PDB file of N, CA and C in Angstrom:
ATOM      1  N   MET A   1      52.474  25.565   2.274  1.00  0.00           N
ATOM      2  CA  MET A   1      52.909  24.948   1.025  1.00  0.00           C
ATOM      3  C   MET A   1      53.952  25.872   0.384  1.00  0.00           C
ATOM      4  N   ASP A   2      55.105  25.301   0.069  1.00  0.00           N
ATOM      5  CA  ASP A   2      56.133  26.123  -0.576  1.00  0.00           C
ATOM      6  C   ASP A   2      55.844  26.236  -2.078  1.00  0.00           C
ATOM      7  N   ARG A   3      56.629  27.017  -2.759  1.00  0.00           N
ATOM      8  CA  ARG A   3      56.358  27.299  -4.173  1.00  0.00           C
ATOM      9  C   ARG A   3      56.455  26.062  -5.053  1.00  0.00           C
ATOM     10  N   LEU A   4      57.459  25.223  -4.809  1.00  0.00           N
ATOM     11  CA  LEU A   4      57.588  24.019  -5.624  1.00  0.00           C
ATOM     12  C   LEU A   4      56.409  23.080  -5.376  1.00  0.00           C
ATOM     13  N   GLU A   5      56.024  22.911  -4.125  1.00  0.00           N
ATOM     14  CA  GLU A   5      54.847  22.083  -3.822  1.00  0.00           C
ATOM     15  C   GLU A   5      53.602  22.658  -4.491  1.00  0.00           C
ATOM     16  N   HIS A   6      53.485  23.978  -4.494  1.00  0.00           N
ATOM     17  CA  HIS A   6      52.346  24.627  -5.137  1.00  0.00           C
ATOM     18  C   HIS A   6      52.335  24.335  -6.637  1.00  0.00           C
ATOM     19  N   ILE A   7      53.486  24.430  -7.280  1.00  0.00           N
ATOM     20  CA  ILE A   7      53.592  24.111  -8.704  1.00  0.00           C
ATOM     21  C   ILE A   7      53.175  22.663  -8.952  1.00  0.00           C
ATOM     22  N   PHE A   8      53.647  21.748  -8.125  1.00  0.00           N
ATOM     23  CA  PHE A   8      53.280  20.334  -8.282  1.00  0.00           C
ATOM     24  C   PHE A   8      51.769  20.148  -8.123  1.00  0.00           C
ATOM     25  N   ALA A   9      51.173  20.816  -7.131  1.00  0.00           N
ATOM     26  CA  ALA A   9      49.729  20.692  -6.905  1.00  0.00           C
ATOM     27  C   ALA A   9      48.939  21.256  -8.086  1.00  0.00           C
ATOM     28  N   LEU A  10      49.355  22.408  -8.591  1.00  0.00           N
ATOM     29  CA  LEU A  10      48.679  22.991  -9.751  1.00  0.00           C
ATOM     30  C   LEU A  10      48.787  22.084 -10.969  1.00  0.00           C
ATOM     31  N   GLN A  11      49.962  21.497 -11.174  1.00  0.00           N
ATOM     32  CA  GLN A  11      50.155  20.620 -12.328  1.00  0.00           C
ATOM     33  C   GLN A  11      49.308  19.365 -12.197  1.00  0.00           C
ATOM     34  N   GLU A  12      49.239  18.817 -10.994  1.00  0.00           N
ATOM     35  CA  GLU A  12      48.408  17.620 -10.793  1.00  0.00           C
ATOM     36  C   GLU A  12      46.949  17.925 -11.108  1.00  0.00           C
ATOM     37  N   ARG A  13      46.472  19.067 -10.638  1.00  0.00           N
ATOM     38  CA  ARG A  13      45.086  19.468 -10.915  1.00  0.00           C
ATOM     39  C   ARG A  13      44.878  19.655 -12.414  1.00  0.00           C
ATOM     40  N   PHE A  14      45.842  20.295 -13.084  1.00  0.00           N
ATOM     41  CA  PHE A  14      45.732  20.499 -14.530  1.00  0.00           C
ATOM     42  C   PHE A  14      45.718  19.164 -15.275  1.00  0.00           C
ATOM     43  N   ASP A  15      46.644  18.271 -14.923  1.00  0.00           N
ATOM     44  CA  ASP A  15      46.721  16.969 -15.598  1.00  0.00           C
ATOM     45  C   ASP A  15      45.412  16.200 -15.462  1.00  0.00           C
ATOM     46  N   GLN A  16      44.843  16.214 -14.260  1.00  0.00           N
ATOM     47  CA  GLN A  16      43.578  15.509 -14.031  1.00  0.00           C
ATOM     48  C   GLN A  16      42.451  16.133 -14.850  1.00  0.00           C
ATOM     49  N   ASP A  17      42.402  17.457 -14.870  1.00  0.00           N
ATOM     50  CA  ASP A  17      41.363  18.150 -15.628  1.00  0.00           C
ATOM     51  C   ASP A  17      41.512  17.881 -17.125  1.00  0.00           C
ATOM     52  N   LEU A  18      42.736  17.922 -17.608  1.00  0.00           N
ATOM     53  CA  LEU A  18      43.000  17.664 -19.025  1.00  0.00           C
ATOM     54  C   LEU A  18      42.557  16.255 -19.413  1.00  0.00           C
ATOM     55  N   ALA A  19      42.925  15.275 -18.599  1.00  0.00           N
ATOM     56  CA  ALA A  19      42.562  13.884 -18.897  1.00  0.00           C
ATOM     57  C   ALA A  19      41.045  13.716 -18.926  1.00  0.00           C
ATOM     58  N   ARG A  20      40.359  14.369 -17.995  1.00  0.00           N
ATOM     59  CA  ARG A  20      38.900  14.262 -17.932  1.00  0.00           C
ATOM     60  C   ARG A  20      38.259  14.962 -19.127  1.00  0.00           C
ATOM     61  N   ARG A  21      38.646  16.207 -19.368  1.00  0.00           N
ATOM     62  CA  ARG A  21      38.024  16.983 -20.450  1.00  0.00           C
ATOM     63  C   ARG A  21      38.290  16.380 -21.829  1.00  0.00           C
ATOM     64  N   ARG A  22      39.475  15.863 -22.031  1.00  0.00           N
ATOM     65  CA  ARG A  22      39.864  15.309 -23.335  1.00  0.00           C
ATOM     66  C   ARG A  22      39.563  13.817 -23.452  1.00  0.00           C
ATOM     67  N   ARG A  23      39.045  13.241 -22.350  1.00  0.00           N
ATOM     68  CA  ARG A  23      38.746  11.797 -22.320  1.00  0.00           C
ATOM     69  C   ARG A  23      39.954  10.989 -22.804  1.00  0.00           C
ATOM     70  N   LEU A  24      41.091  11.307 -22.201  1.00  0.00           N
ATOM     71  CA  LEU A  24      42.332  10.647 -22.596  1.00  0.00           C
ATOM     72  C   LEU A  24      42.343   9.204 -22.113  1.00  0.00           C
ATOM     73  N   PRO A  25      42.974   8.324 -22.881  1.00  0.00           N
ATOM     74  CA  PRO A  25      43.077   6.923 -22.457  1.00  0.00           C
ATOM     75  C   PRO A  25      43.831   6.803 -21.135  1.00  0.00           C
ATOM     76  N   ASP A  26      43.643   5.697 -20.487  1.00  0.00           N
ATOM     77  CA  ASP A  26      44.321   5.432 -19.211  1.00  0.00           C
ATOM     78  C   ASP A  26      45.717   4.874 -19.504  1.00  0.00           C
ATOM     79  N   TYR A  27      46.616   5.766 -19.925  1.00  0.00           N
ATOM     80  CA  TYR A  27      47.978   5.359 -20.250  1.00  0.00           C
ATOM     81  C   TYR A  27      48.713   4.922 -18.982  1.00  0.00           C
ATOM     82  N   SER A  28      49.673   4.034 -19.158  1.00  0.00           N
ATOM     83  CA  SER A  28      50.551   3.666 -18.041  1.00  0.00           C
ATOM     84  C   SER A  28      51.473   4.847 -17.749  1.00  0.00           C
ATOM     85  N   ALA A  29      52.117   4.810 -16.596  1.00  0.00           N
ATOM     86  CA  ALA A  29      53.067   5.871 -16.241  1.00  0.00           C
ATOM     87  C   ALA A  29      54.167   5.966 -17.300  1.00  0.00           C
ATOM     88  N   ALA A  30      54.660   4.817 -17.758  1.00  0.00           N
ATOM     89  CA  ALA A  30      55.725   4.819 -18.771  1.00  0.00           C
ATOM     90  C   ALA A  30      55.247   5.470 -20.068  1.00  0.00           C
ATOM     91  N   GLU A  31      54.019   5.156 -20.493  1.00  0.00           N
ATOM     92  CA  GLU A  31      53.485   5.752 -21.723  1.00  0.00           C
ATOM     93  C   GLU A  31      53.312   7.264 -21.575  1.00  0.00           C
ATOM     94  N   TRP A  32      52.806   7.699 -20.416  1.00  0.00           N
ATOM     95  CA  TRP A  32      52.656   9.137 -20.173  1.00  0.00           C
ATOM     96  C   TRP A  32      54.011   9.831 -20.252  1.00  0.00           C
ATOM     97  N   ILE A  33      54.987   9.264 -19.579  1.00  0.00           N
ATOM     98  CA  ILE A  33      56.310   9.892 -19.549  1.00  0.00           C
ATOM     99  C   ILE A  33      56.903   9.952 -20.953  1.00  0.00           C
ATOM    100  N   GLN A  34      56.732   8.893 -21.739  1.00  0.00           N
ATOM    101  CA  GLN A  34      57.216   8.916 -23.123  1.00  0.00           C
ATOM    102  C   GLN A  34      56.576  10.057 -23.904  1.00  0.00           C
ATOM    103  N   LYS A  35      55.267  10.200 -23.769  1.00  0.00           N
ATOM    104  CA  LYS A  35      54.554  11.260 -24.486  1.00  0.00           C
ATOM    105  C   LYS A  35      55.002  12.640 -24.015  1.00  0.00           C
ATOM    106  N   GLU A  36      55.226  12.770 -22.715  1.00  0.00           N
ATOM    107  CA  GLU A  36      55.628  14.065 -22.175  1.00  0.00           C
ATOM    108  C   GLU A  36      57.075  14.408 -22.535  1.00  0.00           C
ATOM    109  N   VAL A  37      57.925  13.403 -22.656  1.00  0.00           N
ATOM    110  CA  VAL A  37      59.292  13.663 -23.132  1.00  0.00           C
ATOM    111  C   VAL A  37      59.234  14.226 -24.553  1.00  0.00           C
ATOM    112  N   LEU A  38      58.421  13.624 -25.400  1.00  0.00           N
ATOM    113  CA  LEU A  38      58.288  14.126 -26.775  1.00  0.00           C
ATOM    114  C   LEU A  38      57.737  15.550 -26.791  1.00  0.00           C
ATOM    115  N   ALA A  39      56.755  15.808 -25.941  1.00  0.00           N
ATOM    116  CA  ALA A  39      56.200  17.163 -25.858  1.00  0.00           C
ATOM    117  C   ALA A  39      57.265  18.141 -25.374  1.00  0.00           C
ATOM    118  N   MET A  40      58.083  17.713 -24.414  1.00  0.00           N
ATOM    119  CA  MET A  40      59.144  18.582 -23.907  1.00  0.00           C
ATOM    120  C   MET A  40      60.180  18.857 -24.994  1.00  0.00           C
ATOM    121  N   VAL A  41      60.499  17.857 -25.791  1.00  0.00           N
ATOM    122  CA  VAL A  41      61.441  18.059 -26.898  1.00  0.00           C
ATOM    123  C   VAL A  41      60.888  19.123 -27.855  1.00  0.00           C
ATOM    124  N   ALA A  42      59.588  19.066 -28.135  1.00  0.00           N
ATOM    125  CA  ALA A  42      58.973  20.080 -28.998  1.00  0.00           C
ATOM    126  C   ALA A  42      59.097  21.464 -28.372  1.00  0.00           C
ATOM    127  N   GLU A  43      58.869  21.549 -27.064  1.00  0.00           N
ATOM    128  CA  GLU A  43      58.993  22.839 -26.372  1.00  0.00           C
ATOM    129  C   GLU A  43      60.444  23.323 -26.362  1.00  0.00           C
ATOM    130  N   LEU A  44      61.382  22.410 -26.212  1.00  0.00           N
ATOM    131  CA  LEU A  44      62.797  22.794 -26.281  1.00  0.00           C
ATOM    132  C   LEU A  44      63.128  23.358 -27.657  1.00  0.00           C
ATOM    133  N   GLY A  45      62.539  22.775 -28.698  1.00  0.00           N
ATOM    134  CA  GLY A  45      62.722  23.302 -30.048  1.00  0.00           C
ATOM    135  C   GLY A  45      62.172  24.715 -30.173  1.00  0.00           C
ATOM    136  N   GLU A  46      61.023  24.963 -29.545  1.00  0.00           N
ATOM    137  CA  GLU A  46      60.458  26.312 -29.566  1.00  0.00           C
ATOM    138  C   GLU A  46      61.370  27.287 -28.821  1.00  0.00           C
ATOM    139  N   LEU A  47      61.969  26.830 -27.731  1.00  0.00           N
ATOM    140  CA  LEU A  47      62.916  27.672 -26.996  1.00  0.00           C
ATOM    141  C   LEU A  47      64.136  27.985 -27.867  1.00  0.00           C
ATOM    142  N   LEU A  48      64.631  26.982 -28.580  1.00  0.00           N
ATOM    143  CA  LEU A  48      65.764  27.210 -29.491  1.00  0.00           C
ATOM    144  C   LEU A  48      65.444  28.296 -30.514  1.00  0.00           C
ATOM    145  N   GLU A  49      64.227  28.280 -31.023  1.00  0.00           N
ATOM    146  CA  GLU A  49      63.819  29.303 -31.995  1.00  0.00           C
ATOM    147  C   GLU A  49      63.902  30.702 -31.388  1.00  0.00           C
ATOM    148  N   GLU A  50      63.641  30.797 -30.091  1.00  0.00           N
ATOM    149  CA  GLU A  50      63.649  32.105 -29.420  1.00  0.00           C
ATOM    150  C   GLU A  50      65.052  32.641 -29.164  1.00  0.00           C
ATOM    151  N   VAL A  51      66.062  31.775 -29.198  1.00  0.00           N
ATOM    152  CA  VAL A  51      67.420  32.212 -28.826  1.00  0.00           C
ATOM    153  C   VAL A  51      68.402  32.156 -29.998  1.00  0.00           C
ATOM    154  N   ASN A  52      67.871  32.301 -31.199  1.00  0.00           N
ATOM    155  CA  ASN A  52      68.712  32.472 -32.389  1.00  0.00           C
ATOM    156  C   ASN A  52      69.693  31.330 -32.633  1.00  0.00           C
ATOM    157  N   PHE A  53      69.237  30.096 -32.518  1.00  0.00           N
ATOM    158  CA  PHE A  53      70.180  28.997 -32.737  1.00  0.00           C
ATOM    159  C   PHE A  53      70.537  28.817 -34.211  1.00  0.00           C
ATOM    160  N   LYS A  54      69.754  29.375 -35.089  1.00  0.00           N
ATOM    161  CA  LYS A  54      70.033  29.244 -36.530  1.00  0.00           C
ATOM    162  C   LYS A  54      71.082  30.272 -36.933  1.00  0.00           C
ATOM    163  N   TRP A  55      72.326  29.861 -36.900  1.00  0.00           N
ATOM    164  CA  TRP A  55      73.436  30.763 -37.197  1.00  0.00           C
ATOM    165  C   TRP A  55      73.413  31.261 -38.634  1.00  0.00           C
ATOM    166  N   TRP A  56      72.670  30.599 -39.494  1.00  0.00           N
ATOM    167  CA  TRP A  56      72.612  30.974 -40.900  1.00  0.00           C
ATOM    168  C   TRP A  56      71.544  32.045 -41.171  1.00  0.00           C
ATOM    169  N   LYS A  57      70.826  32.471 -40.115  1.00  0.00           N
ATOM    170  CA  LYS A  57      69.807  33.506 -40.272  1.00  0.00           C
ATOM    171  C   LYS A  57      70.224  34.757 -39.509  1.00  0.00           C
ATOM    172  N   ASN A  58      69.677  35.882 -39.911  1.00  0.00           N
ATOM    173  CA  ASN A  58      69.913  37.112 -39.165  1.00  0.00           C
ATOM    174  C   ASN A  58      69.265  36.988 -37.789  1.00  0.00           C
ATOM    175  N   PRO A  59      70.019  37.288 -36.739  1.00  0.00           N
ATOM    176  CA  PRO A  59      69.452  37.154 -35.394  1.00  0.00           C
ATOM    177  C   PRO A  59      68.393  38.225 -35.125  1.00  0.00           C
ATOM    178  N   HIS A  60      67.472  37.861 -34.261  1.00  0.00           N
ATOM    179  CA  HIS A  60      66.450  38.813 -33.827  1.00  0.00           C
ATOM    180  C   HIS A  60      66.689  39.122 -32.350  1.00  0.00           C
ATOM    181  N   PRO A  61      66.200  40.249 -31.879  1.00  0.00           N
ATOM    182  CA  PRO A  61      66.374  40.557 -30.455  1.00  0.00           C
ATOM    183  C   PRO A  61      65.702  39.483 -29.599  1.00  0.00           C
ATOM    184  N   LEU A  62      66.333  39.153 -28.495  1.00  0.00           N
ATOM    185  CA  LEU A  62      65.739  38.160 -27.606  1.00  0.00           C
ATOM    186  C   LEU A  62      64.486  38.734 -26.959  1.00  0.00           C
ATOM    187  N   ASP A  63      63.446  37.919 -26.940  1.00  0.00           N
ATOM    188  CA  ASP A  63      62.172  38.293 -26.334  1.00  0.00           C
ATOM    189  C   ASP A  63      62.079  37.567 -24.995  1.00  0.00           C
ATOM    190  N   ARG A  64      62.387  38.287 -23.929  1.00  0.00           N
ATOM    191  CA  ARG A  64      62.441  37.692 -22.592  1.00  0.00           C
ATOM    192  C   ARG A  64      61.120  37.018 -22.225  1.00  0.00           C
ATOM    193  N   GLU A  65      60.004  37.633 -22.567  1.00  0.00           N
ATOM    194  CA  GLU A  65      58.699  37.059 -22.230  1.00  0.00           C
ATOM    195  C   GLU A  65      58.453  35.757 -22.989  1.00  0.00           C
ATOM    196  N   ALA A  66      58.837  35.710 -24.249  1.00  0.00           N
ATOM    197  CA  ALA A  66      58.673  34.481 -25.029  1.00  0.00           C
ATOM    198  C   ALA A  66      59.566  33.374 -24.474  1.00  0.00           C
ATOM    199  N   ILE A  67      60.794  33.726 -24.106  1.00  0.00           N
ATOM    200  CA  ILE A  67      61.710  32.742 -23.514  1.00  0.00           C
ATOM    201  C   ILE A  67      61.127  32.222 -22.205  1.00  0.00           C
ATOM    202  N   LYS A  68      60.629  33.127 -21.381  1.00  0.00           N
ATOM    203  CA  LYS A  68      60.022  32.726 -20.109  1.00  0.00           C
ATOM    204  C   LYS A  68      58.845  31.777 -20.350  1.00  0.00           C
ATOM    205  N   GLY A  69      58.022  32.103 -21.339  1.00  0.00           N
ATOM    206  CA  GLY A  69      56.881  31.250 -21.657  1.00  0.00           C
ATOM    207  C   GLY A  69      57.298  29.850 -22.069  1.00  0.00           C
ATOM    208  N   GLU A  70      58.333  29.746 -22.890  1.00  0.00           N
ATOM    209  CA  GLU A  70      58.812  28.420 -23.310  1.00  0.00           C
ATOM    210  C   GLU A  70      59.397  27.653 -22.130  1.00  0.00           C
ATOM    211  N   LEU A  71      60.127  28.338 -21.264  1.00  0.00           N
ATOM    212  CA  LEU A  71      60.684  27.672 -20.079  1.00  0.00           C
ATOM    213  C   LEU A  71      59.578  27.166 -19.160  1.00  0.00           C
ATOM    214  N   VAL A  72      58.513  27.937 -19.031  1.00  0.00           N
ATOM    215  CA  VAL A  72      57.381  27.496 -18.212  1.00  0.00           C
ATOM    216  C   VAL A  72      56.707  26.284 -18.852  1.00  0.00           C
ATOM    217  N   ASP A  73      56.560  26.290 -20.171  1.00  0.00           N
ATOM    218  CA  ASP A  73      55.998  25.115 -20.846  1.00  0.00           C
ATOM    219  C   ASP A  73      56.844  23.877 -20.562  1.00  0.00           C
ATOM    220  N   ILE A  74      58.154  24.030 -20.602  1.00  0.00           N
ATOM    221  CA  ILE A  74      59.066  22.917 -20.316  1.00  0.00           C
ATOM    222  C   ILE A  74      58.882  22.448 -18.879  1.00  0.00           C
ATOM    223  N   LEU A  75      58.759  23.401 -17.956  1.00  0.00           N
ATOM    224  CA  LEU A  75      58.546  23.048 -16.550  1.00  0.00           C
ATOM    225  C   LEU A  75      57.242  22.278 -16.366  1.00  0.00           C
ATOM    226  N   HIS A  76      56.193  22.675 -17.081  1.00  0.00           N
ATOM    227  CA  HIS A  76      54.921  21.946 -17.000  1.00  0.00           C
ATOM    228  C   HIS A  76      55.139  20.458 -17.281  1.00  0.00           C
ATOM    229  N   PHE A  77      55.847  20.166 -18.353  1.00  0.00           N
ATOM    230  CA  PHE A  77      56.060  18.766 -18.710  1.00  0.00           C
ATOM    231  C   PHE A  77      56.995  18.070 -17.731  1.00  0.00           C
ATOM    232  N   LEU A  78      58.004  18.757 -17.243  1.00  0.00           N
ATOM    233  CA  LEU A  78      58.916  18.177 -16.255  1.00  0.00           C
ATOM    234  C   LEU A  78      58.164  17.790 -14.988  1.00  0.00           C
ATOM    235  N   VAL A  79      57.356  18.697 -14.476  1.00  0.00           N
ATOM    236  CA  VAL A  79      56.603  18.420 -13.250  1.00  0.00           C
ATOM    237  C   VAL A  79      55.587  17.312 -13.495  1.00  0.00           C
ATOM    238  N   SER A  80      54.945  17.335 -14.641  1.00  0.00           N
ATOM    239  CA  SER A  80      53.982  16.291 -14.962  1.00  0.00           C
ATOM    240  C   SER A  80      54.652  14.918 -14.987  1.00  0.00           C
ATOM    241  N   MET A  81      55.861  14.843 -15.532  1.00  0.00           N
ATOM    242  CA  MET A  81      56.594  13.569 -15.535  1.00  0.00           C
ATOM    243  C   MET A  81      56.936  13.132 -14.116  1.00  0.00           C
ATOM    244  N   CYS A  82      57.311  14.077 -13.276  1.00  0.00           N
ATOM    245  CA  CYS A  82      57.577  13.741 -11.871  1.00  0.00           C
ATOM    246  C   CYS A  82      56.335  13.114 -11.246  1.00  0.00           C
ATOM    247  N   LEU A  83      55.191  13.744 -11.470  1.00  0.00           N
ATOM    248  CA  LEU A  83      53.946  13.234 -10.901  1.00  0.00           C
ATOM    249  C   LEU A  83      53.636  11.831 -11.417  1.00  0.00           C
ATOM    250  N   LYS A  84      53.818  11.617 -12.707  1.00  0.00           N
ATOM    251  CA  LYS A  84      53.533  10.297 -13.283  1.00  0.00           C
ATOM    252  C   LYS A  84      54.479   9.237 -12.723  1.00  0.00           C
ATOM    253  N   ALA A  85      55.695   9.646 -12.376  1.00  0.00           N
ATOM    254  CA  ALA A  85      56.685   8.717 -11.816  1.00  0.00           C
ATOM    255  C   ALA A  85      56.542   8.572 -10.304  1.00  0.00           C
ATOM    256  N   GLY A  86      55.604   9.301  -9.705  1.00  0.00           N
ATOM    257  CA  GLY A  86      55.402   9.215  -8.265  1.00  0.00           C
ATOM    258  C   GLY A  86      56.437   9.983  -7.458  1.00  0.00           C
ATOM    259  N   ILE A  87      57.067  10.967  -8.067  1.00  0.00           N
ATOM    260  CA  ILE A  87      58.091  11.773  -7.393  1.00  0.00           C
ATOM    261  C   ILE A  87      57.426  13.030  -6.846  1.00  0.00           C
ATOM    262  N   THR A  88      57.557  13.246  -5.547  1.00  0.00           N
ATOM    263  CA  THR A  88      56.960  14.420  -4.918  1.00  0.00           C
ATOM    264  C   THR A  88      57.855  15.642  -5.094  1.00  0.00           C
ATOM    265  N   ALA A  89      57.286  16.797  -4.791  1.00  0.00           N
ATOM    266  CA  ALA A  89      58.066  18.038  -4.847  1.00  0.00           C
ATOM    267  C   ALA A  89      59.262  17.951  -3.910  1.00  0.00           C
ATOM    268  N   GLU A  90      59.058  17.414  -2.711  1.00  0.00           N
ATOM    269  CA  GLU A  90      60.157  17.302  -1.746  1.00  0.00           C
ATOM    270  C   GLU A  90      61.234  16.345  -2.248  1.00  0.00           C
ATOM    271  N   GLU A  91      60.830  15.213  -2.804  1.00  0.00           N
ATOM    272  CA  GLU A  91      61.807  14.261  -3.350  1.00  0.00           C
ATOM    273  C   GLU A  91      62.599  14.895  -4.493  1.00  0.00           C
ATOM    274  N   PHE A  92      61.909  15.618  -5.355  1.00  0.00           N
ATOM    275  CA  PHE A  92      62.573  16.268  -6.479  1.00  0.00           C
ATOM    276  C   PHE A  92      63.563  17.311  -5.978  1.00  0.00           C
ATOM    277  N   TYR A  93      63.145  18.090  -4.988  1.00  0.00           N
ATOM    278  CA  TYR A  93      64.011  19.112  -4.405  1.00  0.00           C
ATOM    279  C   TYR A  93      65.255  18.480  -3.791  1.00  0.00           C
ATOM    280  N   GLN A  94      65.075  17.408  -3.025  1.00  0.00           N
ATOM    281  CA  GLN A  94      66.212  16.731  -2.393  1.00  0.00           C
ATOM    282  C   GLN A  94      67.140  16.125  -3.445  1.00  0.00           C
ATOM    283  N   ALA A  95      66.567  15.552  -4.500  1.00  0.00           N
ATOM    284  CA  ALA A  95      67.387  14.989  -5.581  1.00  0.00           C
ATOM    285  C   ALA A  95      68.172  16.094  -6.280  1.00  0.00           C
ATOM    286  N   TYR A  96      67.545  17.253  -6.450  1.00  0.00           N
ATOM    287  CA  TYR A  96      68.240  18.391  -7.060  1.00  0.00           C
ATOM    288  C   TYR A  96      69.420  18.820  -6.195  1.00  0.00           C
ATOM    289  N   LEU A  97      69.188  18.950  -4.887  1.00  0.00           N
ATOM    290  CA  LEU A  97      70.270  19.355  -3.984  1.00  0.00           C
ATOM    291  C   LEU A  97      71.441  18.381  -4.060  1.00  0.00           C
ATOM    292  N   ALA A  98      71.132  17.080  -4.038  1.00  0.00           N
ATOM    293  CA  ALA A  98      72.189  16.065  -4.083  1.00  0.00           C
ATOM    294  C   ALA A  98      72.948  16.130  -5.405  1.00  0.00           C
ATOM    295  N   LYS A  99      72.223  16.258  -6.507  1.00  0.00           N
ATOM    296  CA  LYS A  99      72.875  16.298  -7.821  1.00  0.00           C
ATOM    297  C   LYS A  99      73.689  17.580  -7.985  1.00  0.00           C
ATOM    298  N   ASN A 100      73.177  18.690  -7.475  1.00  0.00           N
ATOM    299  CA  ASN A 100      73.906  19.950  -7.543  1.00  0.00           C
ATOM    300  C   ASN A 100      75.225  19.844  -6.790  1.00  0.00           C
ATOM    301  N   GLN A 101      75.183  19.244  -5.615  1.00  0.00           N
ATOM    302  CA  GLN A 101      76.407  19.056  -4.825  1.00  0.00           C
ATOM    303  C   GLN A 101      77.379  18.146  -5.574  1.00  0.00           C
ATOM    304  N   GLU A 102      76.856  17.076  -6.155  1.00  0.00           N
ATOM    305  CA  GLU A 102      77.702  16.155  -6.917  1.00  0.00           C
ATOM    306  C   GLU A 102      78.326  16.867  -8.115  1.00  0.00           C
ATOM    307  N   ASN A 103      77.557  17.693  -8.797  1.00  0.00           N
ATOM    308  CA  ASN A 103      78.095  18.425  -9.950  1.00  0.00           C
ATOM    309  C   ASN A 103      79.237  19.346  -9.539  1.00  0.00           C
ATOM    310  N   PHE A 104      79.093  20.034  -8.404  1.00  0.00           N
ATOM    311  CA  PHE A 104      80.185  20.867  -7.907  1.00  0.00           C
ATOM    312  C   PHE A 104      81.404  20.011  -7.595  1.00  0.00           C
ATOM    313  N   ARG A 105      81.190  18.873  -6.934  1.00  0.00           N
ATOM    314  CA  ARG A 105      82.300  17.991  -6.578  1.00  0.00           C
ATOM    315  C   ARG A 105      83.003  17.490  -7.845  1.00  0.00           C
ATOM    316  N   ARG A 106      82.240  17.160  -8.861  1.00  0.00           N
ATOM    317  CA  ARG A 106      82.842  16.706 -10.119  1.00  0.00           C
ATOM    318  C   ARG A 106      83.712  17.798 -10.725  1.00  0.00           C
ATOM    319  N   GLN A 107      83.196  19.012 -10.776  1.00  0.00           N
ATOM    320  CA  GLN A 107      83.952  20.112 -11.368  1.00  0.00           C
ATOM    321  C   GLN A 107      85.197  20.446 -10.563  1.00  0.00           C
ATOM    322  N   GLN A 108      85.162  20.158  -9.277  1.00  0.00           N
ATOM    323  CA  GLN A 108      86.313  20.408  -8.408  1.00  0.00           C
ATOM    324  C   GLN A 108      87.289  19.235  -8.399  1.00  0.00           C
ATOM    325  N   GLY A 109      86.964  18.176  -9.157  1.00  0.00           N
ATOM    326  CA  GLY A 109      87.838  17.008  -9.213  1.00  0.00           C
ATOM    327  C   GLY A 109      87.809  16.180  -7.944  1.00  0.00           C
ATOM    328  N   LEU A 110      86.697  16.239  -7.210  1.00  0.00           N
ATOM    329  CA  LEU A 110      86.606  15.551  -5.923  1.00  0.00           C
ATOM    330  C   LEU A 110      85.832  14.240  -5.998  1.00  0.00           C
ATOM    331  N   THR A 111      85.658  13.698  -7.189  1.00  0.00           N
ATOM    332  CA  THR A 111      84.994  12.404  -7.339  1.00  0.00           C
ATOM    333  C   THR A 111      85.888  11.483  -8.161  1.00  0.00           C
ATOM    334  N   ASP A 112      85.466  10.251  -8.290  1.00  0.00           N
ATOM    335  CA  ASP A 112      86.211   9.287  -9.098  1.00  0.00           C
ATOM    336  C   ASP A 112      86.052   9.556 -10.594  1.00  0.00           C
ATOM    337  N   ARG A 113      85.125  10.410 -10.964  1.00  0.00           N
ATOM    338  CA  ARG A 113      84.861  10.716 -12.374  1.00  0.00           C
ATOM    339  C   ARG A 113      85.843  11.778 -12.845  1.00  0.00           C
ATOM    340  N   ARG A 114      87.043  11.373 -13.201  1.00  0.00           N
ATOM    341  CA  ARG A 114      88.128  12.292 -13.552  1.00  0.00           C
ATOM    342  C   ARG A 114      87.818  13.129 -14.801  1.00  0.00           C
ATOM    343  N   GLU A 115      86.956  12.616 -15.673  1.00  0.00           N
ATOM    344  CA  GLU A 115      86.677  13.347 -16.911  1.00  0.00           C
ATOM    345  C   GLU A 115      85.961  14.676 -16.665  1.00  0.00           C
ATOM    346  N   TYR A 116      85.449  14.876 -15.454  1.00  0.00           N
ATOM    347  CA  TYR A 116      84.767  16.132 -15.130  1.00  0.00           C
ATOM    348  C   TYR A 116      85.700  17.182 -14.537  1.00  0.00           C
ATOM    349  N   ALA A 117      86.834  16.782 -14.037  1.00  0.00           N
ATOM    350  CA  ALA A 117      87.715  17.699 -13.305  1.00  0.00           C
ATOM    351  C   ALA A 117      88.195  18.835 -14.203  1.00  0.00           C
ATOM    352  N   ALA A 118      88.093  20.057 -13.687  1.00  0.00           N
ATOM    353  CA  ALA A 118      88.595  21.229 -14.402  1.00  0.00           C
ATOM    354  C   ALA A 118      90.117  21.214 -14.362  1.00  0.00           C
ATOM    355  N   THR A 119      90.722  21.738 -15.412  1.00  0.00           N
ATOM    356  CA  THR A 119      92.185  21.775 -15.470  1.00  0.00           C
ATOM    357  C   THR A 119      92.657  23.175 -15.801  1.00  0.00           C
ATOM    358  N   GLY A 120      93.861  23.494 -15.385  1.00  0.00           N
ATOM    359  CA  GLY A 120      94.511  24.755 -15.749  1.00  0.00           C
ATOM    360  C   GLY A 120      93.659  25.973 -15.492  1.00  0.00           C
ATOM    361  N   GLU A 121      93.431  26.755 -16.576  1.00  0.00           N
ATOM    362  CA  GLU A 121      92.708  28.012 -16.431  1.00  0.00           C
ATOM    363  C   GLU A 121      91.222  27.827 -16.145  1.00  0.00           C
ATOM    364  N   ASP A 122      90.701  26.573 -16.251  1.00  0.00           N
ATOM    365  CA  ASP A 122      89.303  26.310 -15.924  1.00  0.00           C
ATOM    366  C   ASP A 122      89.058  26.361 -14.420  1.00  0.00           C
ATOM    367  N   LYS A 123      90.098  26.113 -13.636  1.00  0.00           N
ATOM    368  CA  LYS A 123      89.925  26.036 -12.187  1.00  0.00           C
ATOM    369  C   LYS A 123      89.571  27.392 -11.603  1.00  0.00           C
ATOM    370  N   GLU A 124      88.826  27.332 -10.499  1.00  0.00           N
ATOM    371  CA  GLU A 124      88.431  28.552  -9.789  1.00  0.00           C
ATOM    372  C   GLU A 124      89.667  29.274  -9.282  1.00  0.00           C
ATOM    373  N   ALA A 125      89.682  30.579  -9.410  1.00  0.00           N
ATOM    374  CA  ALA A 125      90.838  31.385  -8.980  1.00  0.00           C
ATOM    375  C   ALA A 125      90.886  31.528  -7.475  1.00  0.00           C
TER     376      ALA A 125
END
């Protein structure tokens, strides 16, 4: 089992345990994903707090451990949404590879999406 598959397996076990212990309703996949998107938005807000997004306040030193913790919380919800949508670790990995390649192609101006093409000094040297 690779690391991503392991993360997916751990999250599935956690989700099942949470639902059982909390006696959560039998939400549809769409309802679960909606709830998890909202939870992820809350976690993203917590991450923003860690990286001094409030320009009107005195900045504090970045706390790498706190940032890591918020990113892991975000990953928990991302993986949980994948599971609710029936997306496996392998499918997610393959989709990531394809999207990453597409993003590079867009930045290189190699797709029909001209609005992504880098111009002038943005281009790779």
